[in-house]
Each structure stands twice: as structure tokens, then as C-alpha cells.
Amino acid sequence: MDLNLLIGSEQFAAHQGATFTRTNPLTGDVVTQAAAASAGDAVRAVEAAAQAFPAWSATGPGEKRAKLLKAAEVMEARQADFIERMVDETGATPGWAGFNVMVAASILREAASLTTQVNGEVIPSNVPDNLAMGVRVPCGVVVGIAPGTRR
């Protein structure tokens, strides 16, 4: 199985066609070959996310909730595929792999439940009998890079 980068809902090969191979730790058989993203690929992904951000941040909580619930549903529907891939790529037991799929789907459902939760925070004031209210709002795109990866 060959896996490309998914940026802005489109699949791309990594810069200069760079890839990495995942092998089954028990058999040594190649399981997947995946695109090895470069810093430039990461920038392209951040730019695509920044372009999508205004529409996503303006999306109502009900629609966000529905999308997150759908993602959990799709994940569970493909549980057998995830288990097979995890067993092949990492040598995990089917039980451990299934547990991880269940946890991931639960996290998506929890995130979905938070979209319609009323929130706000009372901030103490130095002025007697005055309170301030802080409300969280989307602020932009965040990118993370895993430490210890090859560059």
C-alpha cells in the first residue's frame, strides 16, 4: 500500500518523491510505503489549513459536532482495517489494536460533545464588584513536529 500526503483534501507525493517504508517487525515484509514530508511540504499543509481556517472557525457547533461524530463512526466501521494495519506495521496484538481504535473513536465523540457545551470563564478584577468574562475563540493554525524524526 502506497500512502501520499493529504493536503487541502488532495493527495500529493512528498517533495522530490521522498518516501519511507514500514515493515512488519515479525516477518520483515513491506506493509506500506508512505510519503516522507519535507519542511516545504509542512509549510504547504499549514498554508492549506490557514486557507480553510476562516470557514471552519465560522462553522456552527452543530455541524462541527456532526462531522466529528461521523469521523468516529467511519473509524469504527473500518476497525478491522485499522487492526490489520496496526498488527502488520507494529506487531501489535489484535486486542491492543482494537482497544486503540476504540479509544480514538471515543476521543472524537468527546470532542463532538464539547462543541455544543456552553463555556466562558469569569476573570477576577481588581475593581471591586466588577467581573470580566473571557470567551475562547478560534485563533488560527498550529503545527507540531515530532522530536527525533529524521530530517
C-alpha atoms as a PDB file:
ATOM      1  CA  MET A   1       0.000   0.000   0.000  1.00  0.00           C
ATOM      2  CA  ASP A   2       1.342   3.400  -1.014  1.00  0.00           C
ATOM      3  CA  LEU A   3       0.303   6.417   1.061  1.00  0.00           C
ATOM      4  CA  ASN A   4       0.582  10.032  -0.082  1.00  0.00           C
ATOM      5  CA  LEU A   5       0.308  13.303   1.816  1.00  0.00           C
ATOM      6  CA  LEU A   6      -3.221  14.668   2.212  1.00  0.00           C
ATOM      7  CA  ILE A   7      -3.127  18.466   1.948  1.00  0.00           C
ATOM      8  CA  GLY A   8      -6.222  20.577   1.361  1.00  0.00           C
ATOM      9  CA  SER A   9      -8.316  17.462   0.551  1.00  0.00           C
ATOM     10  CA  GLU A  10      -5.887  16.454  -2.224  1.00  0.00           C
ATOM     11  CA  GLN A  11      -3.254  13.727  -2.272  1.00  0.00           C
ATOM     12  CA  PHE A  12       0.358  14.624  -3.090  1.00  0.00           C
ATOM     13  CA  ALA A  13       3.687  12.850  -3.222  1.00  0.00           C
ATOM     14  CA  ALA A  14       6.281  14.297  -0.856  1.00  0.00           C
ATOM     15  CA  HIS A  15       8.852  16.800  -2.143  1.00  0.00           C
ATOM     16  CA  GLN A  16      11.220  15.051  -4.571  1.00  0.00           C
ATOM     17  CA  GLY A  17       9.186  11.844  -4.151  1.00  0.00           C
ATOM     18  CA  ALA A  18      10.726  11.058  -0.745  1.00  0.00           C
ATOM     19  CA  THR A  19       9.220   8.012   0.985  1.00  0.00           C
ATOM     20  CA  PHE A  20       9.730   5.742   3.942  1.00  0.00           C
ATOM     21  CA  THR A  21       8.873   2.075   4.260  1.00  0.00           C
ATOM     22  CA  ARG A  22       7.110   0.326   7.108  1.00  0.00           C
ATOM     23  CA  THR A  23       7.895  -3.341   7.505  1.00  0.00           C
ATOM     24  CA  ASN A  24       6.217  -5.987   9.602  1.00  0.00           C
ATOM     25  CA  PRO A  25       8.537  -6.409  12.624  1.00  0.00           C
ATOM     26  CA  LEU A  26       7.847 -10.154  12.759  1.00  0.00           C
ATOM     27  CA  THR A  27       8.174 -11.093   9.080  1.00  0.00           C
ATOM     28  CA  GLY A  28      10.156  -8.212   7.579  1.00  0.00           C
ATOM     29  CA  ASP A  29       7.583  -7.915   4.780  1.00  0.00           C
ATOM     30  CA  VAL A  30       6.896  -4.428   3.422  1.00  0.00           C
ATOM     31  CA  VAL A  31       3.479  -3.282   4.672  1.00  0.00           C
ATOM     32  CA  THR A  32       3.295   0.312   3.450  1.00  0.00           C
ATOM     33  CA  GLN A  33       5.376   2.875   1.674  1.00  0.00           C
ATOM     34  CA  ALA A  34       4.468   6.403   2.736  1.00  0.00           C
ATOM     35  CA  ALA A  35       5.372   9.894   1.641  1.00  0.00           C
ATOM     36  CA  ALA A  36       8.138  11.406   3.794  1.00  0.00           C
ATOM     37  CA  ALA A  37       7.133  15.051   4.137  1.00  0.00           C
ATOM     38  CA  SER A  38       9.753  17.770   3.926  1.00  0.00           C
ATOM     39  CA  ALA A  39       9.694  21.130   5.692  1.00  0.00           C
ATOM     40  CA  GLY A  40       8.313  22.588   2.450  1.00  0.00           C
ATOM     41  CA  ASP A  41       5.504  20.005   2.482  1.00  0.00           C
ATOM     42  CA  ALA A  42       4.706  21.031   6.063  1.00  0.00           C
ATOM     43  CA  VAL A  43       4.557  24.677   5.003  1.00  0.00           C
ATOM     44  CA  ARG A  44       2.182  23.734   2.163  1.00  0.00           C
ATOM     45  CA  ALA A  45      -0.035  21.885   4.675  1.00  0.00           C
ATOM     46  CA  VAL A  46      -0.037  24.869   7.057  1.00  0.00           C
ATOM     47  CA  GLU A  47      -0.937  27.212   4.210  1.00  0.00           C
ATOM     48  CA  ALA A  48      -3.839  24.955   3.182  1.00  0.00           C
ATOM     49  CA  ALA A  49      -5.039  24.795   6.794  1.00  0.00           C
ATOM     50  CA  ALA A  50      -4.793  28.576   7.127  1.00  0.00           C
ATOM     51  CA  GLN A  51      -6.870  28.935   3.970  1.00  0.00           C
ATOM     52  CA  ALA A  52      -9.536  26.602   5.373  1.00  0.00           C
ATOM     53  CA  PHE A  53      -9.497  28.191   8.844  1.00  0.00           C
ATOM     54  CA  PRO A  54     -11.929  31.097   8.275  1.00  0.00           C
ATOM     55  CA  ALA A  55     -14.680  28.784   7.027  1.00  0.00           C
ATOM     56  CA  TRP A  56     -14.050  26.179   9.742  1.00  0.00           C
ATOM     57  CA  SER A  57     -13.969  28.746  12.566  1.00  0.00           C
ATOM     58  CA  ALA A  58     -17.275  30.181  11.304  1.00  0.00           C
ATOM     59  CA  THR A  59     -18.887  26.725  11.176  1.00  0.00           C
ATOM     60  CA  GLY A  60     -21.607  26.294  13.767  1.00  0.00           C
ATOM     61  CA  PRO A  61     -21.223  23.882  16.672  1.00  0.00           C
ATOM     62  CA  GLY A  62     -23.925  21.537  15.380  1.00  0.00           C
ATOM     63  CA  GLU A  63     -22.137  20.994  12.066  1.00  0.00           C
ATOM     64  CA  LYS A  64     -18.768  20.536  13.791  1.00  0.00           C
ATOM     65  CA  ARG A  65     -20.362  18.025  16.134  1.00  0.00           C
ATOM     66  CA  ALA A  66     -21.884  16.112  13.209  1.00  0.00           C
ATOM     67  CA  LYS A  67     -18.529  15.953  11.398  1.00  0.00           C
ATOM     68  CA  LEU A  68     -16.678  14.677  14.474  1.00  0.00           C
ATOM     69  CA  LEU A  69     -19.371  12.067  15.153  1.00  0.00           C
ATOM     70  CA  LYS A  70     -19.189  10.958  11.509  1.00  0.00           C
ATOM     71  CA  ALA A  71     -15.403  10.598  11.826  1.00  0.00           C
ATOM     72  CA  ALA A  72     -15.874   8.340  14.886  1.00  0.00           C
ATOM     73  CA  GLU A  73     -18.477   6.311  13.001  1.00  0.00           C
ATOM     74  CA  VAL A  74     -16.198   5.852   9.974  1.00  0.00           C
ATOM     75  CA  MET A  75     -13.297   4.887  12.227  1.00  0.00           C
ATOM     76  CA  GLU A  76     -15.342   2.193  13.928  1.00  0.00           C
ATOM     77  CA  ALA A  77     -16.723   0.947  10.601  1.00  0.00           C
ATOM     78  CA  ARG A  78     -13.125   0.441   9.417  1.00  0.00           C
ATOM     79  CA  GLN A  79     -11.916  -1.043  12.698  1.00  0.00           C
ATOM     80  CA  ALA A  80     -10.880  -4.315  11.030  1.00  0.00           C
ATOM     81  CA  ASP A  81      -8.698  -2.384   8.554  1.00  0.00           C
ATOM     82  CA  PHE A  82      -7.037  -0.419  11.363  1.00  0.00           C
ATOM     83  CA  ILE A  83      -6.420  -3.588  13.361  1.00  0.00           C
ATOM     84  CA  GLU A  84      -4.884  -5.360  10.371  1.00  0.00           C
ATOM     85  CA  ARG A  85      -2.619  -2.409   9.592  1.00  0.00           C
ATOM     86  CA  MET A  86      -1.503  -1.974  13.219  1.00  0.00           C
ATOM     87  CA  VAL A  87      -0.717  -5.679  13.576  1.00  0.00           C
ATOM     88  CA  ASP A  88       1.291  -5.628  10.336  1.00  0.00           C
ATOM     89  CA  GLU A  89       3.103  -2.323  10.932  1.00  0.00           C
ATOM     90  CA  THR A  90       3.878  -2.589  14.638  1.00  0.00           C
ATOM     91  CA  GLY A  91       3.433  -6.214  15.662  1.00  0.00           C
ATOM     92  CA  ALA A  92       0.586  -5.193  17.998  1.00  0.00           C
ATOM     93  CA  THR A  93      -1.884  -7.819  19.118  1.00  0.00           C
ATOM     94  CA  PRO A  94      -5.358  -7.536  17.586  1.00  0.00           C
ATOM     95  CA  GLY A  95      -6.790  -6.811  21.044  1.00  0.00           C
ATOM     96  CA  TRP A  96      -4.402  -3.918  21.654  1.00  0.00           C
ATOM     97  CA  ALA A  97      -5.009  -2.519  18.180  1.00  0.00           C
ATOM     98  CA  GLY A  98      -8.800  -2.745  18.648  1.00  0.00           C
ATOM     99  CA  PHE A  99      -8.516  -1.021  22.021  1.00  0.00           C
ATOM    100  CA  ASN A 100      -6.647   1.878  20.387  1.00  0.00           C
ATOM    101  CA  VAL A 101      -9.303   2.250  17.696  1.00  0.00           C
ATOM    102  CA  MET A 102     -11.992   2.315  20.400  1.00  0.00           C
ATOM    103  CA  VAL A 103     -10.092   4.984  22.363  1.00  0.00           C
ATOM    104  CA  ALA A 104      -9.577   7.129  19.240  1.00  0.00           C
ATOM    105  CA  ALA A 105     -13.289   6.947  18.355  1.00  0.00           C
ATOM    106  CA  SER A 106     -14.144   7.862  21.965  1.00  0.00           C
ATOM    107  CA  ILE A 107     -11.873  10.916  21.794  1.00  0.00           C
ATOM    108  CA  LEU A 108     -13.662  12.069  18.631  1.00  0.00           C
ATOM    109  CA  ARG A 109     -17.038  11.625  20.353  1.00  0.00           C
ATOM    110  CA  GLU A 110     -15.838  13.573  23.394  1.00  0.00           C
ATOM    111  CA  ALA A 111     -14.611  16.392  21.141  1.00  0.00           C
ATOM    112  CA  ALA A 112     -18.023  16.345  19.416  1.00  0.00           C
ATOM    113  CA  SER A 113     -19.804  16.688  22.758  1.00  0.00           C
ATOM    114  CA  LEU A 114     -17.717  19.738  23.637  1.00  0.00           C
ATOM    115  CA  THR A 115     -18.766  21.688  20.529  1.00  0.00           C
ATOM    116  CA  THR A 116     -22.186  22.459  21.983  1.00  0.00           C
ATOM    117  CA  GLN A 117     -21.082  22.919  25.575  1.00  0.00           C
ATOM    118  CA  VAL A 118     -21.618  26.435  26.909  1.00  0.00           C
ATOM    119  CA  ASN A 119     -18.309  27.874  28.025  1.00  0.00           C
ATOM    120  CA  GLY A 120     -16.770  31.019  29.365  1.00  0.00           C
ATOM    121  CA  GLU A 121     -14.643  31.956  32.308  1.00  0.00           C
ATOM    122  CA  VAL A 122     -15.098  34.622  34.945  1.00  0.00           C
ATOM    123  CA  ILE A 123     -11.871  36.560  35.331  1.00  0.00           C
ATOM    124  CA  PRO A 124     -11.223  38.272  38.680  1.00  0.00           C
ATOM    125  CA  SER A 125     -10.966  42.042  38.583  1.00  0.00           C
ATOM    126  CA  ASN A 126      -9.003  44.483  40.713  1.00  0.00           C
ATOM    127  CA  VAL A 127     -12.011  46.807  40.642  1.00  0.00           C
ATOM    128  CA  PRO A 128     -14.446  45.995  43.490  1.00  0.00           C
ATOM    129  CA  ASP A 129     -17.771  44.470  42.406  1.00  0.00           C
ATOM    130  CA  ASN A 130     -16.641  44.163  38.759  1.00  0.00           C
ATOM    131  CA  LEU A 131     -16.213  40.922  36.882  1.00  0.00           C
ATOM    132  CA  ALA A 132     -14.959  40.220  33.402  1.00  0.00           C
ATOM    133  CA  MET A 133     -15.942  37.323  31.179  1.00  0.00           C
ATOM    134  CA  GLY A 134     -13.421  35.560  28.950  1.00  0.00           C
ATOM    135  CA  VAL A 135     -14.665  33.544  25.990  1.00  0.00           C
ATOM    136  CA  ARG A 136     -12.476  31.240  23.936  1.00  0.00           C
ATOM    137  CA  VAL A 137     -12.459  31.748  20.184  1.00  0.00           C
ATOM    138  CA  PRO A 138     -10.539  30.009  17.389  1.00  0.00           C
ATOM    139  CA  CYS A 139      -7.216  31.774  16.860  1.00  0.00           C
ATOM    140  CA  GLY A 140      -5.533  30.029  13.934  1.00  0.00           C
ATOM    141  CA  VAL A 141      -3.470  27.125  12.670  1.00  0.00           C
ATOM    142  CA  VAL A 142      -0.976  25.258  14.848  1.00  0.00           C
ATOM    143  CA  VAL A 143       1.637  22.866  13.503  1.00  0.00           C
ATOM    144  CA  GLY A 144       3.540  20.284  15.517  1.00  0.00           C
ATOM    145  CA  ILE A 145       6.674  18.385  14.651  1.00  0.00           C
ATOM    146  CA  ALA A 146       7.612  15.125  16.323  1.00  0.00           C
ATOM    147  CA  PRO A 147      11.028  15.260  18.012  1.00  0.00           C
ATOM    148  CA  GLY A 148      13.682  12.790  16.976  1.00  0.00           C
ATOM    149  CA  THR A 149      12.491  12.434  13.401  1.00  0.00           C
ATOM    150  CA  ARG A 150      14.973  12.276  10.557  1.00  0.00           C
ATOM    151  CA  ARG A 151      15.249  15.441   8.501  1.00  0.00           C
END
